[in-house]
Amino acid sequence: MESRKYIRESKEDKPVLAICYDFDKTLSPDDMQAQGFIQDAYGDNVGEFWKETDILASGNDMDQNLAYMFKMKENAYGKMVFNKATLQEYGAKVKLFPGVETWFERIRKFGEENGVIVEHYILSSGLKEMIEATAPAKSGAFKRVYASSFYFDEKGVAIWPAQVVNYTNKTQFLFRIEKGVLDVNDPGVNDYFRPDELRVPFRNMVYIGDSATDVPCMKLVNTLGGHSIGVYNPETKDKSRVFNMIKEERVRYYAAADYSEGSEIENLLKKIIRRTAMNDELEQAHYKCEREALED
């Protein structure tokens, strides 16, 4: 096998805060596939599409994400060309929660003003091709989009899953972010890094999600000193899921998925950014003392 040289992110001279987001029902009010694609390829009974997907998965010991990807391809046959351009066309129509389009740059700038490099990452079981067609992605808001995706043949037609991201394997991307080993094929994610070599220690991570599928990432970030935030739809105001996650200690905070200027979640992130700056000063003082002791 031909060896490949991977480009890795270096440790910065300022603290890096990685904000990691689920997508569906976190940044968007509904599943991205159900905002036009399912209706055109399958029919208006979106619930029946997901029911058939569940039956396919459970009846074949199949990953649920692989099942929905198969159903999308199957139902598109004869109705549309199932290629990247088609997926991007539907992705561009995906609705976003209030304030999302300007959120990423606002938070990045606030971080810069407080001596913190803010990076935004997507960790989603949805489709990378659709997410990358949204306005924030096209404007360069995301450092990386980790999501399920298709392999396309020489004619550009989707023929096979290239990547599948489910609620448990999402956690690998947190370790990639921690070490700056961002390429999904880079085995360096398993290398040992001393605590002072980590580009984004877990205490400098925020995970934002909406449901039980985000729990492994939320719990991992919580356990290792970071911040997890559960969000709920600001229109329905249904807080039942975030209340359960608070009771079960899966998240530290919750807020409405309203990313407008001056919103509750914006004020919360600003506090986390200020704390990140202070934590970094303390950690640098600790590492200095540790090095001097070892050199003595």
C-alpha atoms as a PDB file:
ATOM      1  CA  MET A   1       0.000   0.000   0.000  1.00  0.00           C
ATOM      2  CA  GLU A   2       1.320   3.431  -0.951  1.00  0.00           C
ATOM      3  CA  SER A   3       2.236   5.523   2.099  1.00  0.00           C
ATOM      4  CA  ARG A   4       0.516   8.873   2.288  1.00  0.00           C
ATOM      5  CA  LYS A   5       1.730  12.005   4.004  1.00  0.00           C
ATOM      6  CA  TYR A   6      -1.016  13.631   6.051  1.00  0.00           C
ATOM      7  CA  ILE A   7      -1.244  17.313   6.862  1.00  0.00           C
ATOM      8  CA  ARG A   8      -1.805  17.823  10.592  1.00  0.00           C
ATOM      9  CA  GLU A   9      -2.749  20.924  12.536  1.00  0.00           C
ATOM     10  CA  SER A  10      -0.064  22.405  14.751  1.00  0.00           C
ATOM     11  CA  LYS A  11      -0.518  23.568  18.320  1.00  0.00           C
ATOM     12  CA  GLU A  12      -1.286  27.290  18.332  1.00  0.00           C
ATOM     13  CA  ASP A  13       0.249  29.998  20.495  1.00  0.00           C
ATOM     14  CA  LYS A  14      -3.279  30.852  21.692  1.00  0.00           C
ATOM     15  CA  PRO A  15      -5.910  28.517  23.147  1.00  0.00           C
ATOM     16  CA  VAL A  16      -8.192  26.910  20.546  1.00  0.00           C
ATOM     17  CA  LEU A  17     -11.864  26.395  21.416  1.00  0.00           C
ATOM     18  CA  ALA A  18     -13.511  23.752  19.214  1.00  0.00           C
ATOM     19  CA  ILE A  19     -17.303  24.073  19.032  1.00  0.00           C
ATOM     20  CA  CYS A  20     -18.766  20.845  17.657  1.00  0.00           C
ATOM     21  CA  TYR A  21     -22.340  20.715  16.378  1.00  0.00           C
ATOM     22  CA  ASP A  22     -24.822  18.086  15.447  1.00  0.00           C
ATOM     23  CA  PHE A  23     -26.822  19.395  12.464  1.00  0.00           C
ATOM     24  CA  ASP A  24     -30.389  18.120  12.205  1.00  0.00           C
ATOM     25  CA  LYS A  25     -32.606  19.703  14.890  1.00  0.00           C
ATOM     26  CA  THR A  26     -29.530  21.470  16.279  1.00  0.00           C
ATOM     27  CA  LEU A  27     -28.794  23.973  13.514  1.00  0.00           C
ATOM     28  CA  SER A  28     -31.842  23.078  11.400  1.00  0.00           C
ATOM     29  CA  PRO A  29     -35.420  22.503  12.625  1.00  0.00           C
ATOM     30  CA  ASP A  30     -35.843  19.144  10.827  1.00  0.00           C
ATOM     31  CA  ASP A  31     -33.929  16.285   9.233  1.00  0.00           C
ATOM     32  CA  MET A  32     -32.201  17.614   6.115  1.00  0.00           C
ATOM     33  CA  GLN A  33     -33.493  14.721   3.989  1.00  0.00           C
ATOM     34  CA  ALA A  34     -37.085  15.594   4.957  1.00  0.00           C
ATOM     35  CA  GLN A  35     -36.890  19.147   3.625  1.00  0.00           C
ATOM     36  CA  GLY A  36     -37.659  18.303   0.012  1.00  0.00           C
ATOM     37  CA  PHE A  37     -35.686  15.223  -0.969  1.00  0.00           C
ATOM     38  CA  ILE A  38     -37.893  12.562   0.636  1.00  0.00           C
ATOM     39  CA  GLN A  39     -41.039  14.294  -0.584  1.00  0.00           C
ATOM     40  CA  ASP A  40     -39.794  14.347  -4.200  1.00  0.00           C
ATOM     41  CA  ALA A  41     -38.224  10.880  -4.231  1.00  0.00           C
ATOM     42  CA  TYR A  42     -40.631   8.975  -1.984  1.00  0.00           C
ATOM     43  CA  GLY A  43     -43.781  10.947  -1.237  1.00  0.00           C
ATOM     44  CA  ASP A  44     -45.258  13.278   1.339  1.00  0.00           C
ATOM     45  CA  ASN A  45     -45.500  10.623   4.067  1.00  0.00           C
ATOM     46  CA  VAL A  46     -42.068  11.307   5.529  1.00  0.00           C
ATOM     47  CA  GLY A  47     -42.807   9.215   8.612  1.00  0.00           C
ATOM     48  CA  GLU A  48     -43.378   6.158   6.432  1.00  0.00           C
ATOM     49  CA  PHE A  49     -39.966   6.639   4.801  1.00  0.00           C
ATOM     50  CA  TRP A  50     -38.239   6.549   8.191  1.00  0.00           C
ATOM     51  CA  LYS A  51     -40.395   3.592   9.274  1.00  0.00           C
ATOM     52  CA  GLU A  52     -39.289   1.616   6.218  1.00  0.00           C
ATOM     53  CA  THR A  53     -35.687   2.613   6.933  1.00  0.00           C
ATOM     54  CA  ASP A  54     -35.976   1.244  10.490  1.00  0.00           C
ATOM     55  CA  ILE A  55     -37.494  -2.022   9.210  1.00  0.00           C
ATOM     56  CA  LEU A  56     -34.683  -2.416   6.667  1.00  0.00           C
ATOM     57  CA  ALA A  57     -32.041  -1.815   9.335  1.00  0.00           C
ATOM     58  CA  SER A  58     -33.522  -4.055  12.032  1.00  0.00           C
ATOM     59  CA  GLY A  59     -34.341  -6.853   9.595  1.00  0.00           C
ATOM     60  CA  ASN A  60     -30.822  -7.047   8.215  1.00  0.00           C
ATOM     61  CA  ASP A  61     -28.607  -6.177  11.200  1.00  0.00           C
ATOM     62  CA  MET A  62     -27.845  -3.015   9.247  1.00  0.00           C
ATOM     63  CA  ASP A  63     -26.588   0.343  10.453  1.00  0.00           C
ATOM     64  CA  GLN A  64     -29.541   2.752  10.424  1.00  0.00           C
ATOM     65  CA  ASN A  65     -27.550   5.400   8.588  1.00  0.00           C
ATOM     66  CA  LEU A  66     -26.546   2.953   5.874  1.00  0.00           C
ATOM     67  CA  ALA A  67     -30.216   1.984   5.655  1.00  0.00           C
ATOM     68  CA  TYR A  68     -31.434   5.551   5.054  1.00  0.00           C
ATOM     69  CA  MET A  69     -28.662   6.119   2.488  1.00  0.00           C
ATOM     70  CA  PHE A  70     -29.763   2.985   0.621  1.00  0.00           C
ATOM     71  CA  LYS A  71     -33.418   4.049   0.756  1.00  0.00           C
ATOM     72  CA  MET A  72     -32.554   7.488  -0.608  1.00  0.00           C
ATOM     73  CA  LYS A  73     -30.726   5.970  -3.565  1.00  0.00           C
ATOM     74  CA  GLU A  74     -33.432   3.365  -4.151  1.00  0.00           C
ATOM     75  CA  ASN A  75     -36.304   5.853  -4.077  1.00  0.00           C
ATOM     76  CA  ALA A  76     -34.505   8.351  -6.303  1.00  0.00           C
ATOM     77  CA  TYR A  77     -34.248   5.790  -9.115  1.00  0.00           C
ATOM     78  CA  GLY A  78     -36.285   6.904 -12.125  1.00  0.00           C
ATOM     79  CA  LYS A  79     -37.237  10.213 -10.521  1.00  0.00           C
ATOM     80  CA  MET A  80     -33.977  12.144 -10.416  1.00  0.00           C
ATOM     81  CA  VAL A  81     -30.271  11.792 -11.112  1.00  0.00           C
ATOM     82  CA  PHE A  82     -28.851  10.765  -7.760  1.00  0.00           C
ATOM     83  CA  ASN A  83     -25.574  12.675  -7.862  1.00  0.00           C
ATOM     84  CA  LYS A  84     -23.694  15.278  -5.843  1.00  0.00           C
ATOM     85  CA  ALA A  85     -25.330  18.167  -7.701  1.00  0.00           C
ATOM     86  CA  THR A  86     -28.806  16.887  -6.794  1.00  0.00           C
ATOM     87  CA  LEU A  87     -27.897  16.469  -3.127  1.00  0.00           C
ATOM     88  CA  GLN A  88     -26.357  19.938  -3.074  1.00  0.00           C
ATOM     89  CA  GLU A  89     -29.488  21.370  -4.672  1.00  0.00           C
ATOM     90  CA  TYR A  90     -31.588  20.019  -1.808  1.00  0.00           C
ATOM     91  CA  GLY A  91     -28.948  20.971   0.744  1.00  0.00           C
ATOM     92  CA  ALA A  92     -29.085  24.600  -0.360  1.00  0.00           C
ATOM     93  CA  LYS A  93     -32.798  24.629   0.546  1.00  0.00           C
ATOM     94  CA  VAL A  94     -32.337  23.349   4.105  1.00  0.00           C
ATOM     95  CA  LYS A  95     -33.899  25.702   6.633  1.00  0.00           C
ATOM     96  CA  LEU A  96     -31.739  26.947   9.498  1.00  0.00           C
ATOM     97  CA  PHE A  97     -32.667  28.127  12.975  1.00  0.00           C
ATOM     98  CA  PRO A  98     -32.735  31.906  13.622  1.00  0.00           C
ATOM     99  CA  GLY A  99     -29.311  33.541  13.607  1.00  0.00           C
ATOM    100  CA  VAL A 100     -27.387  30.516  12.316  1.00  0.00           C
ATOM    101  CA  GLU A 101     -26.100  32.190   9.152  1.00  0.00           C
ATOM    102  CA  THR A 102     -24.236  34.910  11.079  1.00  0.00           C
ATOM    103  CA  TRP A 103     -23.541  32.936  14.265  1.00  0.00           C
ATOM    104  CA  PHE A 104     -20.232  31.336  13.359  1.00  0.00           C
ATOM    105  CA  GLU A 105     -18.450  34.539  12.401  1.00  0.00           C
ATOM    106  CA  ARG A 106     -19.870  36.439  15.405  1.00  0.00           C
ATOM    107  CA  ILE A 107     -18.579  33.828  17.830  1.00  0.00           C
ATOM    108  CA  ARG A 108     -15.232  33.577  16.030  1.00  0.00           C
ATOM    109  CA  LYS A 109     -14.749  37.344  16.284  1.00  0.00           C
ATOM    110  CA  PHE A 110     -15.666  37.380  19.979  1.00  0.00           C
ATOM    111  CA  GLY A 111     -13.084  34.664  20.558  1.00  0.00           C
ATOM    112  CA  GLU A 112     -10.450  36.672  18.698  1.00  0.00           C
ATOM    113  CA  GLU A 113     -11.214  39.720  20.856  1.00  0.00           C
ATOM    114  CA  ASN A 114     -10.607  37.594  23.959  1.00  0.00           C
ATOM    115  CA  GLY A 115      -7.427  35.857  22.816  1.00  0.00           C
ATOM    116  CA  VAL A 116      -9.121  32.568  21.858  1.00  0.00           C
ATOM    117  CA  ILE A 117      -9.119  30.899  18.431  1.00  0.00           C
ATOM    118  CA  VAL A 118     -12.655  29.600  17.851  1.00  0.00           C
ATOM    119  CA  GLU A 119     -13.140  26.767  15.355  1.00  0.00           C
ATOM    120  CA  HIS A 120     -16.492  25.292  14.305  1.00  0.00           C
ATOM    121  CA  TYR A 121     -16.922  21.605  13.438  1.00  0.00           C
ATOM    122  CA  ILE A 122     -19.926  19.596  12.241  1.00  0.00           C
ATOM    123  CA  LEU A 123     -20.363  16.033  13.546  1.00  0.00           C
ATOM    124  CA  SER A 124     -23.513  14.721  11.880  1.00  0.00           C
ATOM    125  CA  SER A 125     -25.220  11.521  10.792  1.00  0.00           C
ATOM    126  CA  GLY A 126     -26.712  13.577   7.971  1.00  0.00           C
ATOM    127  CA  LEU A 127     -25.169  13.973   4.536  1.00  0.00           C
ATOM    128  CA  LYS A 128     -21.947  15.884   3.983  1.00  0.00           C
ATOM    129  CA  GLU A 129     -22.986  16.747   0.416  1.00  0.00           C
ATOM    130  CA  MET A 130     -26.109  18.502   1.698  1.00  0.00           C
ATOM    131  CA  ILE A 131     -24.436  20.249   4.640  1.00  0.00           C
ATOM    132  CA  GLU A 132     -21.679  21.630   2.418  1.00  0.00           C
ATOM    133  CA  ALA A 133     -24.337  23.300   0.243  1.00  0.00           C
ATOM    134  CA  THR A 134     -25.771  25.347   3.123  1.00  0.00           C
ATOM    135  CA  ALA A 135     -24.941  29.051   3.331  1.00  0.00           C
ATOM    136  CA  PRO A 136     -22.639  28.788   6.404  1.00  0.00           C
ATOM    137  CA  ALA A 137     -20.604  25.968   4.863  1.00  0.00           C
ATOM    138  CA  LYS A 138     -20.238  27.804   1.549  1.00  0.00           C
ATOM    139  CA  SER A 139     -18.995  30.874   3.415  1.00  0.00           C
ATOM    140  CA  GLY A 140     -16.231  28.788   5.048  1.00  0.00           C
ATOM    141  CA  ALA A 141     -17.739  28.682   8.549  1.00  0.00           C
ATOM    142  CA  PHE A 142     -16.603  25.139   9.348  1.00  0.00           C
ATOM    143  CA  LYS A 143     -13.079  23.899   9.982  1.00  0.00           C
ATOM    144  CA  ARG A 144     -14.296  20.395   9.097  1.00  0.00           C
ATOM    145  CA  VAL A 145     -17.596  18.720   8.260  1.00  0.00           C
ATOM    146  CA  TYR A 146     -17.654  15.147   9.560  1.00  0.00           C
ATOM    147  CA  ALA A 147     -20.795  13.508   8.192  1.00  0.00           C
ATOM    148  CA  SER A 148     -22.038  10.553   6.181  1.00  0.00           C
ATOM    149  CA  SER A 149     -21.248  10.780   2.478  1.00  0.00           C
ATOM    150  CA  PHE A 150     -21.427   8.925  -0.818  1.00  0.00           C
ATOM    151  CA  TYR A 151     -18.811   7.643  -3.235  1.00  0.00           C
ATOM    152  CA  PHE A 152     -19.514   8.951  -6.750  1.00  0.00           C
ATOM    153  CA  ASP A 153     -18.525   7.184  -9.965  1.00  0.00           C
ATOM    154  CA  GLU A 154     -16.813   8.793 -12.974  1.00  0.00           C
ATOM    155  CA  LYS A 155     -20.197  10.122 -14.130  1.00  0.00           C
ATOM    156  CA  GLY A 156     -20.800  11.763 -10.761  1.00  0.00           C
ATOM    157  CA  VAL A 157     -23.543   9.316  -9.747  1.00  0.00           C
ATOM    158  CA  ALA A 158     -23.696   8.158  -6.104  1.00  0.00           C
ATOM    159  CA  ILE A 159     -23.097   4.411  -6.046  1.00  0.00           C
ATOM    160  CA  TRP A 160     -21.805   3.512  -2.569  1.00  0.00           C
ATOM    161  CA  PRO A 161     -21.396   4.998   0.928  1.00  0.00           C
ATOM    162  CA  ALA A 162     -17.971   6.588   1.318  1.00  0.00           C
ATOM    163  CA  GLN A 163     -18.405   7.421   5.004  1.00  0.00           C
ATOM    164  CA  VAL A 164     -21.076   6.646   7.562  1.00  0.00           C
ATOM    165  CA  VAL A 165     -21.265   8.563  10.833  1.00  0.00           C
ATOM    166  CA  ASN A 166     -23.457   7.206  13.608  1.00  0.00           C
ATOM    167  CA  TYR A 167     -23.968   8.272  17.206  1.00  0.00           C
ATOM    168  CA  THR A 168     -21.177   6.097  18.615  1.00  0.00           C
ATOM    169  CA  ASN A 169     -18.446   6.539  16.013  1.00  0.00           C
ATOM    170  CA  LYS A 170     -18.923  10.316  16.193  1.00  0.00           C
ATOM    171  CA  THR A 171     -16.648  10.273  19.216  1.00  0.00           C
ATOM    172  CA  GLN A 172     -13.560   9.428  17.101  1.00  0.00           C
ATOM    173  CA  PHE A 173     -13.733  12.874  15.553  1.00  0.00           C
ATOM    174  CA  LEU A 174     -13.430  14.507  18.958  1.00  0.00           C
ATOM    175  CA  PHE A 175     -10.091  12.751  19.419  1.00  0.00           C
ATOM    176  CA  ARG A 176      -9.024  13.875  15.937  1.00  0.00           C
ATOM    177  CA  ILE A 177      -9.853  17.463  16.838  1.00  0.00           C
ATOM    178  CA  GLU A 178      -8.043  17.102  20.166  1.00  0.00           C
ATOM    179  CA  LYS A 179      -4.795  16.081  18.448  1.00  0.00           C
ATOM    180  CA  GLY A 180      -5.108  18.120  15.242  1.00  0.00           C
ATOM    181  CA  VAL A 181      -5.230  14.876  13.238  1.00  0.00           C
ATOM    182  CA  LEU A 182      -8.214  15.884  11.114  1.00  0.00           C
ATOM    183  CA  ASP A 183      -7.985  13.640   8.036  1.00  0.00           C
ATOM    184  CA  VAL A 184     -10.434  10.737   8.493  1.00  0.00           C
ATOM    185  CA  ASN A 185      -7.829   8.236   7.225  1.00  0.00           C
ATOM    186  CA  ASP A 186      -4.873   9.481   9.287  1.00  0.00           C
ATOM    187  CA  PRO A 187      -3.875   6.710  11.745  1.00  0.00           C
ATOM    188  CA  GLY A 188      -2.042   9.316  13.819  1.00  0.00           C
ATOM    189  CA  VAL A 189      -5.224   9.718  15.853  1.00  0.00           C
ATOM    190  CA  ASN A 190      -3.946   6.731  17.873  1.00  0.00           C
ATOM    191  CA  ASP A 191      -0.549   8.312  18.605  1.00  0.00           C
ATOM    192  CA  TYR A 192       0.348   9.351  22.136  1.00  0.00           C
ATOM    193  CA  PHE A 193       0.419  13.093  22.854  1.00  0.00           C
ATOM    194  CA  ARG A 194       1.571  14.606  26.143  1.00  0.00           C
ATOM    195  CA  PRO A 195      -1.130  16.820  27.717  1.00  0.00           C
ATOM    196  CA  ASP A 196       0.822  19.980  26.863  1.00  0.00           C
ATOM    197  CA  GLU A 197       1.095  18.870  23.201  1.00  0.00           C
ATOM    198  CA  LEU A 198      -2.645  18.562  22.607  1.00  0.00           C
ATOM    199  CA  ARG A 199      -3.934  21.176  20.173  1.00  0.00           C
ATOM    200  CA  VAL A 200      -7.462  21.223  21.623  1.00  0.00           C
ATOM    201  CA  PRO A 201      -7.676  19.585  25.054  1.00  0.00           C
ATOM    202  CA  PHE A 202     -11.159  18.398  25.933  1.00  0.00           C
ATOM    203  CA  ARG A 203     -11.577  21.239  28.418  1.00  0.00           C
ATOM    204  CA  ASN A 204     -11.538  23.494  25.321  1.00  0.00           C
ATOM    205  CA  MET A 205     -14.358  21.651  23.570  1.00  0.00           C
ATOM    206  CA  VAL A 206     -18.059  22.436  23.353  1.00  0.00           C
ATOM    207  CA  TYR A 207     -20.559  19.927  21.993  1.00  0.00           C
ATOM    208  CA  ILE A 208     -23.989  21.199  20.956  1.00  0.00           C
ATOM    209  CA  GLY A 209     -26.760  18.695  20.196  1.00  0.00           C
ATOM    210  CA  ASP A 210     -30.428  18.000  20.650  1.00  0.00           C
ATOM    211  CA  SER A 211     -31.109  14.343  21.432  1.00  0.00           C
ATOM    212  CA  ALA A 212     -30.029  10.938  22.676  1.00  0.00           C
ATOM    213  CA  THR A 213     -28.004  10.331  19.495  1.00  0.00           C
ATOM    214  CA  ASP A 214     -25.602  13.026  20.728  1.00  0.00           C
ATOM    215  CA  VAL A 215     -25.180  11.468  24.173  1.00  0.00           C
ATOM    216  CA  PRO A 216     -21.857   9.606  23.600  1.00  0.00           C
ATOM    217  CA  CYS A 217     -20.161  12.831  22.457  1.00  0.00           C
ATOM    218  CA  MET A 218     -21.813  14.913  25.164  1.00  0.00           C
ATOM    219  CA  LYS A 219     -20.858  12.460  27.897  1.00  0.00           C
ATOM    220  CA  LEU A 220     -17.264  12.203  26.676  1.00  0.00           C
ATOM    221  CA  VAL A 221     -16.828  15.977  26.521  1.00  0.00           C
ATOM    222  CA  ASN A 222     -18.434  16.374  29.956  1.00  0.00           C
ATOM    223  CA  THR A 223     -16.304  13.677  31.573  1.00  0.00           C
ATOM    224  CA  LEU A 224     -13.060  15.147  30.249  1.00  0.00           C
ATOM    225  CA  GLY A 225     -13.742  18.703  31.399  1.00  0.00           C
ATOM    226  CA  GLY A 226     -15.456  20.295  28.407  1.00  0.00           C
ATOM    227  CA  HIS A 227     -18.893  21.806  27.931  1.00  0.00           C
ATOM    228  CA  SER A 228     -22.009  20.189  26.469  1.00  0.00           C
ATOM    229  CA  ILE A 229     -25.172  22.093  25.565  1.00  0.00           C
ATOM    230  CA  GLY A 230     -28.558  20.605  24.761  1.00  0.00           C
ATOM    231  CA  VAL A 231     -30.770  22.690  22.482  1.00  0.00           C
ATOM    232  CA  TYR A 232     -34.520  22.680  21.892  1.00  0.00           C
ATOM    233  CA  ASN A 233     -36.717  24.106  19.145  1.00  0.00           C
ATOM    234  CA  PRO A 234     -37.579  27.733  20.023  1.00  0.00           C
ATOM    235  CA  GLU A 235     -40.908  27.482  18.180  1.00  0.00           C
ATOM    236  CA  THR A 236     -42.308  24.383  19.898  1.00  0.00           C
ATOM    237  CA  LYS A 237     -40.536  25.179  23.200  1.00  0.00           C
ATOM    238  CA  ASP A 238     -40.525  21.440  23.972  1.00  0.00           C
ATOM    239  CA  LYS A 239     -37.793  21.017  26.599  1.00  0.00           C
ATOM    240  CA  SER A 240     -38.522  17.401  27.522  1.00  0.00           C
ATOM    241  CA  ARG A 241     -35.414  15.954  25.853  1.00  0.00           C
ATOM    242  CA  VAL A 242     -32.988  18.550  27.223  1.00  0.00           C
ATOM    243  CA  PHE A 243     -34.529  18.218  30.709  1.00  0.00           C
ATOM    244  CA  ASN A 244     -33.927  14.449  30.565  1.00  0.00           C
ATOM    245  CA  MET A 245     -30.331  15.007  29.479  1.00  0.00           C
ATOM    246  CA  ILE A 246     -29.797  17.427  32.371  1.00  0.00           C
ATOM    247  CA  LYS A 247     -31.291  14.949  34.883  1.00  0.00           C
ATOM    248  CA  GLU A 248     -29.079  12.162  33.529  1.00  0.00           C
ATOM    249  CA  GLU A 249     -25.993  14.439  33.602  1.00  0.00           C
ATOM    250  CA  ARG A 250     -25.507  14.143  29.839  1.00  0.00           C
ATOM    251  CA  VAL A 251     -25.336  17.927  29.324  1.00  0.00           C
ATOM    252  CA  ARG A 252     -24.184  20.782  31.529  1.00  0.00           C
ATOM    253  CA  TYR A 253     -26.447  23.438  30.012  1.00  0.00           C
ATOM    254  CA  TYR A 254     -29.471  23.833  27.765  1.00  0.00           C
ATOM    255  CA  ALA A 255     -30.784  26.675  25.621  1.00  0.00           C
ATOM    256  CA  ALA A 256     -33.186  27.397  22.782  1.00  0.00           C
ATOM    257  CA  ALA A 257     -31.746  26.793  19.303  1.00  0.00           C
ATOM    258  CA  ASP A 258     -31.965  30.514  18.612  1.00  0.00           C
ATOM    259  CA  TYR A 259     -28.543  31.710  17.520  1.00  0.00           C
ATOM    260  CA  SER A 260     -29.516  35.352  17.096  1.00  0.00           C
ATOM    261  CA  GLU A 261     -27.351  38.137  18.455  1.00  0.00           C
ATOM    262  CA  GLY A 262     -27.900  38.520  22.199  1.00  0.00           C
ATOM    263  CA  SER A 263     -29.580  35.115  22.520  1.00  0.00           C
ATOM    264  CA  GLU A 264     -29.231  32.842  25.538  1.00  0.00           C
ATOM    265  CA  ILE A 265     -26.889  30.458  23.765  1.00  0.00           C
ATOM    266  CA  GLU A 266     -24.701  33.316  22.515  1.00  0.00           C
ATOM    267  CA  ASN A 267     -24.316  34.683  26.040  1.00  0.00           C
ATOM    268  CA  LEU A 268     -23.454  31.189  27.276  1.00  0.00           C
ATOM    269  CA  LEU A 269     -20.775  30.711  24.607  1.00  0.00           C
ATOM    270  CA  LYS A 270     -19.254  34.088  25.445  1.00  0.00           C
ATOM    271  CA  LYS A 271     -18.865  32.968  29.064  1.00  0.00           C
ATOM    272  CA  ILE A 272     -17.232  29.726  27.919  1.00  0.00           C
ATOM    273  CA  ILE A 273     -14.820  31.689  25.705  1.00  0.00           C
ATOM    274  CA  ARG A 274     -13.809  33.942  28.614  1.00  0.00           C
ATOM    275  CA  ARG A 275     -13.324  30.903  30.830  1.00  0.00           C
ATOM    276  CA  THR A 276     -11.222  29.208  28.129  1.00  0.00           C
ATOM    277  CA  ALA A 277      -8.862  32.171  28.066  1.00  0.00           C
ATOM    278  CA  MET A 278      -8.475  32.096  31.857  1.00  0.00           C
ATOM    279  CA  ASN A 279      -8.091  28.301  31.985  1.00  0.00           C
ATOM    280  CA  ASP A 280      -5.294  28.480  29.421  1.00  0.00           C
ATOM    281  CA  GLU A 281      -3.350  30.986  31.523  1.00  0.00           C
ATOM    282  CA  LEU A 282      -3.607  28.677  34.532  1.00  0.00           C
ATOM    283  CA  GLU A 283      -2.623  25.588  32.534  1.00  0.00           C
ATOM    284  CA  GLN A 284       0.405  27.341  31.057  1.00  0.00           C
ATOM    285  CA  ALA A 285       1.501  28.301  34.571  1.00  0.00           C
ATOM    286  CA  HIS A 286       1.087  24.672  35.644  1.00  0.00           C
ATOM    287  CA  TYR A 287       3.139  23.307  32.715  1.00  0.00           C
ATOM    288  CA  LYS A 288       5.873  25.870  33.403  1.00  0.00           C
ATOM    289  CA  CYS A 289       6.163  24.729  37.015  1.00  0.00           C
ATOM    290  CA  GLU A 290       6.132  21.086  35.927  1.00  0.00           C
ATOM    291  CA  ARG A 291       8.936  21.602  33.378  1.00  0.00           C
ATOM    292  CA  GLU A 292      11.094  23.490  35.856  1.00  0.00           C
ATOM    293  CA  ALA A 293      10.653  20.738  38.438  1.00  0.00           C
ATOM    294  CA  LEU A 294      11.637  18.044  35.926  1.00  0.00           C
ATOM    295  CA  GLU A 295      14.701  20.006  34.849  1.00  0.00           C
ATOM    296  CA  ASP A 296      15.899  20.523  38.420  1.00  0.00           C
END
